[in-house]
N, C-alpha and C. Protein backbone atom coordinates (compact mmCIF):
# COMPACT_ATOMS: atom_id res chain seq x y z
N ASP A 1 5.60 10.20 -12.73
CA ASP A 1 7.12 10.01 -13.51
C ASP A 1 7.71 8.81 -12.32
N VAL A 2 8.28 7.69 -13.49
CA VAL A 2 9.29 7.18 -12.95
C VAL A 2 10.55 7.46 -13.30
N THR A 3 11.36 7.43 -12.50
CA THR A 3 13.39 7.61 -12.30
C THR A 3 14.08 6.29 -12.02
N TYR A 4 14.88 5.53 -12.66
CA TYR A 4 15.61 4.82 -12.43
C TYR A 4 17.25 5.51 -12.27
N ALA A 5 17.79 5.46 -10.96
CA ALA A 5 19.09 5.70 -11.20
C ALA A 5 20.00 4.87 -10.06
N SER A 6 21.23 4.33 -10.30
CA SER A 6 21.69 3.41 -9.11
C SER A 6 21.18 2.96 -8.80
N GLY A 7 20.48 1.95 -9.13
CA GLY A 7 19.70 0.76 -8.32
C GLY A 7 18.53 1.37 -7.99
N VAL A 8 18.05 2.31 -7.93
CA VAL A 8 16.70 3.19 -7.00
C VAL A 8 15.80 3.75 -8.28
N LEU A 9 14.62 2.73 -8.21
CA LEU A 9 13.17 3.07 -8.82
C LEU A 9 12.29 3.60 -8.27
N THR A 10 12.10 5.00 -8.56
CA THR A 10 11.05 6.23 -7.96
C THR A 10 9.89 6.34 -8.79
N LEU A 11 8.89 6.00 -8.03
CA LEU A 11 7.46 6.30 -8.97
C LEU A 11 6.87 7.01 -8.39
N GLN A 12 6.77 8.57 -8.83
CA GLN A 12 6.06 9.75 -8.22
C GLN A 12 4.77 10.02 -8.98
N LEU A 13 3.68 9.68 -7.86
CA LEU A 13 2.12 9.68 -8.23
C LEU A 13 1.58 11.03 -7.78
N GLY A 14 2.33 12.61 -7.92
CA GLY A 14 1.87 13.48 -7.26
C GLY A 14 1.42 13.70 -5.69
N GLU A 15 0.28 13.90 -5.67
CA GLU A 15 -0.47 14.13 -4.26
C GLU A 15 -0.64 12.63 -3.78
N LEU A 16 -0.74 11.70 -4.61
CA LEU A 16 -0.91 10.30 -4.03
C LEU A 16 0.39 9.78 -3.46
N GLY A 17 1.46 10.50 -3.49
CA GLY A 17 2.97 9.93 -2.73
C GLY A 17 3.77 9.29 -4.11
N THR A 18 4.83 8.88 -2.92
CA THR A 18 5.87 8.53 -4.05
C THR A 18 6.61 6.90 -3.12
N TYR A 19 6.57 5.90 -4.11
CA TYR A 19 7.15 4.62 -3.93
C TYR A 19 8.66 4.30 -4.40
N VAL A 20 9.33 4.22 -3.45
CA VAL A 20 11.11 4.33 -3.93
C VAL A 20 11.44 2.61 -3.39
N LEU A 21 11.73 2.03 -4.83
CA LEU A 21 12.17 0.56 -4.56
C LEU A 21 13.77 0.55 -4.62
N ASN A 22 14.91 0.09 -3.64
CA ASN A 22 15.89 0.36 -3.73
C ASN A 22 16.67 -1.09 -3.61
N LYS A 23 17.75 -1.54 -4.97
CA LYS A 23 18.26 -2.79 -4.65
C LYS A 23 19.05 -2.66 -3.41
N GLN A 24 19.43 -3.86 -2.61
CA GLN A 24 20.36 -3.77 -1.71
C GLN A 24 21.39 -5.18 -2.02
N PRO A 25 22.05 -4.82 -2.92
CA PRO A 25 22.88 -6.40 -3.45
C PRO A 25 23.81 -6.96 -2.29
N PRO A 26 24.20 -6.17 -1.31
CA PRO A 26 25.03 -6.87 -0.37
C PRO A 26 24.27 -7.76 0.79
N ASN A 27 22.84 -7.31 0.80
CA ASN A 27 21.95 -8.30 1.56
C ASN A 27 21.29 -9.03 1.03
N LYS A 28 21.11 -8.79 -0.82
CA LYS A 28 20.09 -9.73 -1.26
C LYS A 28 18.99 -9.47 -1.36
N GLN A 29 18.57 -8.45 -1.10
CA GLN A 29 17.31 -7.73 -0.80
C GLN A 29 16.69 -6.46 -1.39
N ILE A 30 15.37 -6.41 -1.71
CA ILE A 30 14.86 -5.24 -2.26
C ILE A 30 13.95 -4.43 -1.05
N TRP A 31 14.58 -3.36 -0.99
CA TRP A 31 13.66 -2.26 -0.10
C TRP A 31 12.94 -1.32 -0.58
N LEU A 32 11.23 -1.28 -0.23
CA LEU A 32 10.68 -0.28 -0.39
C LEU A 32 10.16 0.64 0.41
N SER A 33 9.78 1.57 0.10
CA SER A 33 9.29 2.52 0.86
C SER A 33 8.20 3.33 0.23
N SER A 34 6.68 3.03 1.01
CA SER A 34 5.61 3.08 0.57
C SER A 34 4.91 4.14 1.28
N PRO A 35 3.54 5.26 0.10
CA PRO A 35 3.10 6.18 1.13
C PRO A 35 1.90 5.22 1.78
N LEU A 36 1.63 4.19 1.53
CA LEU A 36 0.49 3.59 2.33
C LEU A 36 1.05 2.43 3.63
N SER A 37 1.97 1.67 3.22
CA SER A 37 2.36 0.72 4.18
C SER A 37 3.80 1.22 4.75
N GLY A 38 4.38 1.93 4.11
CA GLY A 38 5.74 2.46 5.05
C GLY A 38 6.86 1.58 4.35
N PRO A 39 7.81 1.59 5.18
CA PRO A 39 9.31 0.54 4.74
C PRO A 39 9.06 -0.73 4.76
N ARG A 40 9.53 -1.42 3.91
CA ARG A 40 9.47 -2.90 3.89
C ARG A 40 10.77 -3.11 3.42
N ARG A 41 11.24 -4.61 3.51
CA ARG A 41 12.67 -5.44 2.87
C ARG A 41 12.07 -6.85 2.37
N TYR A 42 12.15 -6.86 1.16
CA TYR A 42 12.18 -8.24 0.43
C TYR A 42 13.14 -8.95 0.32
N ASN A 43 12.98 -10.30 0.41
CA ASN A 43 13.87 -11.40 0.31
C ASN A 43 13.54 -12.27 -0.96
N HIS A 44 14.64 -12.85 -2.10
CA HIS A 44 14.09 -13.49 -2.97
C HIS A 44 13.96 -14.80 -2.69
N ASP A 45 12.95 -15.62 -2.92
CA ASP A 45 12.53 -16.84 -2.76
C ASP A 45 12.53 -17.75 -3.97
N SER A 46 13.69 -18.53 -4.02
CA SER A 46 14.24 -19.32 -5.36
C SER A 46 13.15 -20.34 -5.57
N GLU A 47 12.44 -20.79 -4.48
CA GLU A 47 11.38 -22.02 -5.09
C GLU A 47 10.33 -21.12 -5.78
N SER A 48 9.91 -20.13 -5.08
CA SER A 48 8.44 -19.38 -6.33
C SER A 48 8.81 -18.49 -7.21
N GLY A 49 10.34 -17.87 -6.89
CA GLY A 49 10.59 -16.81 -7.80
C GLY A 49 10.20 -15.82 -7.79
N HIS A 50 9.49 -15.58 -6.26
CA HIS A 50 9.12 -14.06 -5.74
C HIS A 50 10.08 -13.29 -4.67
N TRP A 51 9.54 -12.02 -4.47
CA TRP A 51 10.17 -11.38 -3.72
C TRP A 51 9.34 -11.22 -2.66
N LEU A 52 9.65 -11.84 -1.28
CA LEU A 52 8.85 -11.92 -0.34
C LEU A 52 8.97 -11.23 0.92
N ASP A 53 8.23 -10.53 1.16
CA ASP A 53 8.55 -9.68 2.85
C ASP A 53 9.00 -10.33 3.65
N ASN A 54 10.14 -9.48 4.35
CA ASN A 54 10.85 -10.44 5.44
C ASN A 54 10.05 -10.78 6.75
N ARG A 55 9.12 -10.01 7.04
CA ARG A 55 8.26 -10.09 7.90
C ARG A 55 6.57 -11.14 7.52
N PRO A 56 5.99 -11.84 8.84
CA PRO A 56 4.88 -12.59 8.23
C PRO A 56 4.06 -11.54 8.24
N PRO A 57 2.95 -12.01 7.13
CA PRO A 57 2.63 -13.31 6.62
C PRO A 57 3.64 -13.48 5.10
N HIS A 58 4.80 -12.72 4.84
CA HIS A 58 5.86 -12.86 3.77
C HIS A 58 4.98 -12.95 2.74
N GLU A 59 4.14 -11.70 2.37
CA GLU A 59 3.47 -11.20 0.91
C GLU A 59 4.10 -10.88 -0.12
N PRO A 60 4.00 -11.42 -1.05
CA PRO A 60 4.95 -10.85 -2.26
C PRO A 60 5.12 -9.40 -2.93
N LEU A 61 5.98 -9.38 -3.20
CA LEU A 61 6.01 -7.57 -3.16
C LEU A 61 5.17 -7.25 -4.30
N ALA A 62 4.89 -8.15 -5.89
CA ALA A 62 3.92 -7.59 -6.48
C ALA A 62 2.60 -7.61 -6.23
N ASP A 63 2.10 -8.29 -5.42
CA ASP A 63 1.00 -8.44 -4.47
C ASP A 63 0.58 -7.02 -3.78
N LEU A 64 1.52 -6.91 -3.13
CA LEU A 64 1.59 -5.59 -2.19
C LEU A 64 1.47 -4.24 -3.67
N LEU A 65 2.21 -4.36 -4.27
CA LEU A 65 2.17 -3.16 -5.22
C LEU A 65 1.07 -3.14 -5.80
N ASN A 66 0.29 -4.38 -6.27
CA ASN A 66 -0.93 -4.37 -7.29
C ASN A 66 -1.90 -3.79 -6.02
N GLN A 67 -1.78 -4.29 -5.11
CA GLN A 67 -3.17 -3.67 -4.10
C GLN A 67 -3.04 -2.23 -3.88
N GLU A 68 -2.02 -1.94 -3.60
CA GLU A 68 -1.60 -0.05 -3.39
C GLU A 68 -1.81 0.24 -4.26
N LEU A 69 -1.23 -0.13 -5.52
CA LEU A 69 -1.70 0.83 -6.80
C LEU A 69 -2.96 0.87 -7.01
N SER A 70 -3.59 0.13 -7.11
CA SER A 70 -5.20 -0.10 -7.58
C SER A 70 -5.88 0.81 -6.60
N GLN A 71 -5.96 0.78 -5.30
CA GLN A 71 -6.36 1.81 -4.25
C GLN A 71 -5.58 3.11 -4.52
N LEU A 72 -4.84 3.08 -4.72
CA LEU A 72 -4.60 4.75 -5.07
C LEU A 72 -5.16 5.34 -6.30
N LEU A 73 -5.20 4.64 -7.34
CA LEU A 73 -5.25 4.89 -8.87
C LEU A 73 -6.89 4.75 -9.12
N GLY A 74 -7.58 3.76 -8.15
CA GLY A 74 -9.23 3.72 -8.24
C GLY A 74 -9.36 2.50 -9.75
N GLU A 75 -8.38 1.97 -10.00
CA GLU A 75 -8.52 1.18 -11.30
C GLU A 75 -7.39 0.01 -10.91
N SER A 76 -7.98 -1.41 -11.40
CA SER A 76 -7.20 -2.35 -11.31
C SER A 76 -5.71 -2.43 -11.93
N VAL A 77 -4.54 -2.63 -10.99
CA VAL A 77 -3.44 -2.66 -11.60
C VAL A 77 -2.89 -3.86 -11.30
N THR A 78 -2.10 -4.26 -12.43
CA THR A 78 -1.77 -5.86 -12.31
C THR A 78 0.07 -5.53 -12.93
N LEU A 79 1.15 -5.69 -12.09
CA LEU A 79 2.38 -5.93 -12.89
C LEU A 79 2.57 -7.22 -12.94
């Protein structure tokens, strides 16, 4: 199930876990809660156009989601 309300996108994968993406406009960030990698914060990089993890190695949000969802679902996922 996927729901979106008040700036929060929730992806419920049943027994596989739940992803929560939360807009943080005052901080200009997106916060992610992942059942595999835990909490992370992302800053927008205007040069690349990507949302990058604020911790090294600054992995793009889409790359992490593609990797984790592919692992959980057992098939290739590309967002």
